[in-house]
Amino acid sequence: MNGTGKASRPLGRKALATLTLALLALCGNYLTLPLFFGVGFIFGSIMVMVAVRFLGTLPAVLVAFTGGFIRWPYGDTPMP
């Protein structure tokens, strides 16, 4: 416990959660839900919002870059 009454999260557990969310963001951006005329939903940004909420800013930025990296070669979605 720290001074605020909340238990601090161990670094290894936070790193594992960041890696897991980054891999899920990668899969969420790779596997699209096609709608029509080449338009589709990508779900990687959901993992970024989860990372912002539970892990903080820096892990969320890492998750965003990892998830956005898979879409960069396609040219239809800019890299975050």
Protein backbone atom coordinates (compact mmCIF):
# COMPACT_ATOMS: atom_id res chain seq x y z
CA MET A 1 0.00 0.00 0.00
CA ASN A 2 1.18 3.48 -0.73
CA GLY A 3 0.11 6.70 0.96
CA THR A 4 -3.12 7.01 -1.05
CA GLY A 5 -4.63 3.77 0.17
CA LYS A 6 -4.29 2.05 -3.21
CA ALA A 7 -1.94 -0.85 -3.77
CA SER A 8 0.75 0.00 -6.30
CA ARG A 9 0.89 -2.29 -9.33
CA PRO A 10 4.17 -4.25 -9.69
CA LEU A 11 6.23 -3.33 -12.74
CA GLY A 12 6.24 -6.88 -14.13
CA ARG A 13 2.47 -7.12 -13.96
CA LYS A 14 2.07 -3.75 -15.68
CA ALA A 15 4.53 -4.76 -18.42
CA LEU A 16 2.66 -8.03 -18.98
CA ALA A 17 -0.65 -6.16 -19.20
CA THR A 18 0.88 -3.69 -21.68
CA LEU A 19 2.22 -6.52 -23.83
CA THR A 20 -1.12 -8.33 -23.75
CA LEU A 21 -3.07 -5.22 -24.73
CA ALA A 22 -0.54 -4.44 -27.47
CA LEU A 23 -0.98 -7.89 -28.96
CA LEU A 24 -4.76 -7.60 -28.74
CA ALA A 25 -4.59 -4.18 -30.43
CA LEU A 26 -2.45 -5.69 -33.17
CA CYS A 27 -5.00 -8.46 -33.72
CA GLY A 28 -7.89 -6.01 -33.49
CA ASN A 29 -6.43 -3.86 -36.24
CA TYR A 30 -5.44 -6.80 -38.44
CA LEU A 31 -8.79 -8.57 -38.29
CA THR A 32 -11.33 -6.11 -39.65
CA LEU A 33 -15.10 -6.36 -39.81
CA PRO A 34 -15.91 -5.48 -43.44
CA LEU A 35 -19.00 -3.39 -44.06
CA PHE A 36 -19.27 -2.20 -47.67
CA PHE A 37 -17.17 -0.72 -50.50
CA GLY A 38 -13.87 -1.33 -48.73
CA VAL A 39 -15.05 0.21 -45.45
CA GLY A 40 -14.51 -1.81 -42.33
CA PHE A 41 -14.37 -1.56 -38.56
CA ILE A 42 -11.05 -2.02 -36.77
CA PHE A 43 -11.02 -2.68 -33.05
CA GLY A 44 -7.46 -1.93 -31.93
CA SER A 45 -8.33 1.46 -30.48
CA ILE A 46 -10.52 -0.20 -27.86
CA MET A 47 -7.39 -1.73 -26.33
CA VAL A 48 -5.78 1.73 -26.25
CA MET A 49 -8.72 3.09 -24.26
CA VAL A 50 -8.43 0.16 -21.84
CA ALA A 51 -4.70 0.87 -21.47
CA VAL A 52 -5.33 4.57 -20.81
CA ARG A 53 -7.87 3.76 -18.13
CA PHE A 54 -6.02 1.01 -16.29
CA LEU A 55 -2.30 1.43 -17.07
CA GLY A 56 -1.63 5.10 -17.78
CA THR A 57 -0.40 7.28 -20.62
CA LEU A 58 2.95 5.73 -21.55
CA PRO A 59 1.69 2.13 -21.80
CA ALA A 60 -1.30 3.40 -23.81
CA VAL A 61 1.03 5.13 -26.28
CA LEU A 62 2.99 1.90 -26.69
CA VAL A 63 -0.24 -0.02 -27.28
CA ALA A 64 -1.37 2.60 -29.83
CA PHE A 65 1.88 2.45 -31.82
CA THR A 66 1.87 -1.34 -31.79
CA GLY A 67 -1.75 -1.51 -32.94
CA GLY A 68 -1.29 1.18 -35.58
CA PHE A 69 1.87 -0.35 -36.99
CA ILE A 70 -0.05 -3.16 -38.71
CA ARG A 71 -2.26 -0.69 -40.63
CA TRP A 72 0.55 1.56 -41.84
CA PRO A 73 1.57 -0.49 -44.93
CA TYR A 74 -2.02 -0.61 -46.16
CA GLY A 75 -2.24 3.16 -46.47
CA ASP A 76 -5.92 3.30 -45.60
CA THR A 77 -5.34 4.12 -41.94
CA PRO A 78 -2.55 6.46 -40.81
CA MET A 79 -0.16 5.44 -38.11
CA PRO A 80 -1.13 6.90 -34.71
